[in-house]
Amino acid sequence: MKIDKVVINDKSPCFIIAELSGNHNGKIKNAINAIKYAKKAGADAIKLQTYTADTLTFNCNNKYFRINHGTIWDGTTLYKLYQKAHTPWEWHKELFHVAREEGIICFSSPFDKSAIDLLEELDCPAYKIASPEILDIHLIRDVARTNKPVIISTGIATISDIE
């Protein structure tokens, strides 16, 4: 596999991907610093997540959309969590630019076609399918149509999901 100009195979050294996710705490300066620190720490790439609360879930307050798993988010709805944790789409262009300036590959996990469209406008060099989306054949098909490398996470997938 080749991501940007980096060849990744069984003979190449480890390819290290830093995760930005919601670790910016709602501030673009934190996101920019995370990119710079990831590069300084030796990461080869930084990965974003491209979604909005509206593209990922429903604004619903019933028990099926409320977090109750022993975390700091207990009692919060998924919608409110995703509103707070998402990386605003209007930041993406600048984050990709900063990453290129720093010499670190920037790519993303999209969660729907509109996210892929945005990322294609930014010349995203690769995509990652998050493990909860491993059975989203439409998403995988849409990402595959970009003809870019795809990493499919199996983190929370079952063996039958993977098969």
Protein backbone atom coordinates (compact mmCIF):
# COMPACT_ATOMS: atom_id res chain seq x y z
CA MET A 1 0.00 0.00 0.00
CA LYS A 2 1.16 3.53 -0.70
CA ILE A 3 -0.25 6.48 1.24
CA ASP A 4 0.86 9.78 -0.20
CA LYS A 5 4.55 9.08 -0.91
CA VAL A 6 5.03 6.45 1.79
CA VAL A 7 5.14 2.77 0.85
CA ILE A 8 3.80 0.50 3.56
CA ASN A 9 4.55 -3.19 3.27
CA ASP A 10 6.12 -6.05 5.21
CA LYS A 11 9.59 -4.62 4.55
CA SER A 12 8.86 -1.04 5.61
CA PRO A 13 9.21 0.23 9.16
CA CYS A 14 6.17 0.67 11.35
CA PHE A 15 3.72 3.30 10.04
CA ILE A 16 2.55 5.34 13.03
CA ILE A 17 -0.83 7.07 12.88
CA ALA A 18 -1.71 9.65 15.53
CA GLU A 19 -5.42 10.07 16.26
CA LEU A 20 -6.81 13.59 16.52
CA SER A 21 -10.49 12.65 16.90
CA GLY A 22 -12.13 14.97 19.45
CA ASN A 23 -8.89 15.61 21.32
CA HIS A 24 -8.96 19.27 20.30
CA ASN A 25 -11.53 20.17 23.00
CA GLY A 26 -13.35 22.41 20.53
CA LYS A 27 -10.36 24.63 19.75
CA ILE A 28 -8.63 24.70 16.37
CA LYS A 29 -5.37 25.81 18.01
CA ASN A 30 -5.37 22.54 19.97
CA ALA A 31 -5.94 20.59 16.74
CA ILE A 32 -3.09 22.41 15.01
CA ASN A 33 -0.78 21.82 17.97
CA ALA A 34 -1.72 18.13 18.02
CA ILE A 35 -0.60 17.85 14.39
CA LYS A 36 2.71 19.56 15.15
CA TYR A 37 3.33 17.46 18.27
CA ALA A 38 2.42 14.25 16.45
CA LYS A 39 5.07 15.05 13.83
CA LYS A 40 7.65 15.89 16.53
CA ALA A 41 6.84 12.62 18.31
CA GLY A 42 7.62 10.68 15.13
CA ALA A 43 4.16 9.92 13.78
CA ASP A 44 3.93 9.35 10.03
CA ALA A 45 0.31 10.46 9.82
CA ILE A 46 -2.49 12.10 11.71
CA LYS A 47 -6.05 10.90 11.32
CA LEU A 48 -9.16 12.98 11.69
CA GLN A 49 -12.78 11.88 11.95
CA THR A 50 -15.13 13.61 9.53
CA TYR A 51 -18.73 13.71 10.70
CA THR A 52 -21.29 15.98 12.28
CA ALA A 53 -23.83 15.03 14.90
CA ASP A 54 -26.50 15.27 12.18
CA THR A 55 -24.66 12.90 9.82
CA LEU A 56 -23.94 10.34 12.53
CA THR A 57 -27.05 10.00 14.70
CA PHE A 58 -30.48 11.35 15.54
CA ASN A 59 -31.22 14.13 17.99
CA CYS A 60 -33.14 11.76 20.21
CA ASN A 61 -33.44 11.67 23.98
CA ASN A 62 -34.69 8.12 24.55
CA LYS A 63 -32.68 5.42 26.33
CA TYR A 64 -31.30 3.97 23.06
CA PHE A 65 -29.55 7.26 22.27
CA ARG A 66 -28.36 8.02 25.81
CA ILE A 67 -24.92 6.98 27.05
CA ASN A 68 -24.89 4.78 30.16
CA HIS A 69 -21.70 2.72 30.14
CA GLY A 70 -19.85 3.99 33.22
CA THR A 71 -18.11 6.90 31.48
CA ILE A 72 -17.93 10.64 32.11
CA TRP A 73 -20.53 10.96 29.33
CA ASP A 74 -23.22 8.98 31.16
CA GLY A 75 -26.60 10.67 30.88
CA THR A 76 -25.59 12.55 27.72
CA THR A 77 -27.20 11.76 24.39
CA LEU A 78 -25.08 10.55 21.50
CA TYR A 79 -26.13 13.65 19.58
CA LYS A 80 -24.78 16.00 22.27
CA LEU A 81 -21.56 14.01 22.54
CA TYR A 82 -20.98 14.12 18.77
CA GLN A 83 -21.79 17.84 18.69
CA LYS A 84 -19.08 18.45 21.25
CA ALA A 85 -16.49 15.96 19.98
CA HIS A 86 -16.61 16.40 16.21
CA THR A 87 -13.91 18.21 14.28
CA PRO A 88 -15.72 21.09 12.57
CA TRP A 89 -15.74 20.70 8.80
CA GLU A 90 -14.64 24.29 8.36
CA TRP A 91 -11.35 23.38 10.12
CA HIS A 92 -10.47 20.54 7.77
CA LYS A 93 -8.88 22.67 5.05
CA GLU A 94 -6.56 24.39 7.51
CA LEU A 95 -5.70 21.13 9.29
CA PHE A 96 -4.77 19.44 6.01
CA HIS A 97 -2.69 22.53 5.10
CA VAL A 98 -0.85 22.54 8.45
CA ALA A 99 -0.15 18.81 8.15
CA ARG A 100 1.33 19.28 4.68
CA GLU A 101 3.50 22.14 5.95
CA GLU A 102 4.68 19.98 8.85
CA GLY A 103 5.44 17.05 6.55
CA ILE A 104 2.94 14.67 8.13
CA ILE A 105 0.24 12.81 6.20
CA CYS A 106 -3.30 13.82 7.10
CA PHE A 107 -6.27 11.57 6.32
CA SER A 108 -9.63 10.77 7.85
CA SER A 109 -12.37 8.38 8.81
CA PRO A 110 -15.50 9.54 6.99
CA PHE A 111 -18.89 8.37 8.16
CA ASP A 112 -21.02 9.21 5.14
CA LYS A 113 -20.88 10.30 1.49
CA SER A 114 -20.93 14.03 2.31
CA ALA A 115 -17.77 13.56 4.41
CA ILE A 116 -16.08 11.73 1.53
CA ASP A 117 -17.02 14.58 -0.81
CA LEU A 118 -15.44 17.13 1.54
CA LEU A 119 -12.31 15.03 1.95
CA GLU A 120 -11.96 14.55 -1.80
CA GLU A 121 -12.01 18.37 -2.21
CA LEU A 122 -9.03 18.43 0.18
CA ASP A 123 -7.18 15.70 -1.75
CA CYS A 124 -7.29 13.30 1.18
CA PRO A 125 -4.62 10.66 0.37
CA ALA A 126 -6.26 7.71 2.16
CA TYR A 127 -9.29 6.71 4.20
CA LYS A 128 -9.94 4.66 7.30
CA ILE A 129 -13.17 2.85 7.95
CA ALA A 130 -13.88 2.83 11.69
CA SER A 131 -14.63 -0.59 13.13
CA PRO A 132 -18.26 0.26 13.99
CA GLU A 133 -18.73 0.94 10.26
CA ILE A 134 -17.18 -2.33 9.06
CA LEU A 135 -20.58 -3.57 7.86
CA ASP A 136 -21.54 -0.28 6.17
CA ILE A 137 -21.11 -1.59 2.63
CA HIS A 138 -22.40 1.66 1.10
CA LEU A 139 -19.74 3.67 2.95
CA ILE A 140 -16.99 1.20 2.03
CA ARG A 141 -18.14 1.23 -1.61
CA ASP A 142 -18.17 5.05 -1.70
CA VAL A 143 -14.67 5.20 -0.20
CA ALA A 144 -13.42 2.53 -2.62
CA ARG A 145 -14.68 4.62 -5.54
CA THR A 146 -12.06 7.26 -4.68
CA ASN A 147 -9.36 4.76 -5.72
CA LYS A 148 -7.35 5.75 -2.66
CA PRO A 149 -5.88 3.39 -0.04
CA VAL A 150 -8.36 2.20 2.57
CA ILE A 151 -7.59 0.96 6.06
CA ILE A 152 -10.46 -0.96 7.64
CA SER A 153 -10.32 -1.16 11.41
CA THR A 154 -11.39 -4.38 13.09
CA GLY A 155 -11.12 -3.02 16.66
CA ILE A 156 -14.63 -3.82 17.88
CA ALA A 157 -15.67 -6.05 15.00
CA THR A 158 -16.49 -9.70 15.53
CA ILE A 159 -14.92 -12.48 13.48
CA SER A 160 -18.18 -12.86 11.54
CA ASP A 161 -18.17 -9.08 10.82
CA ILE A 162 -14.66 -9.41 9.39
CA GLU A 163 -15.53 -12.50 7.36
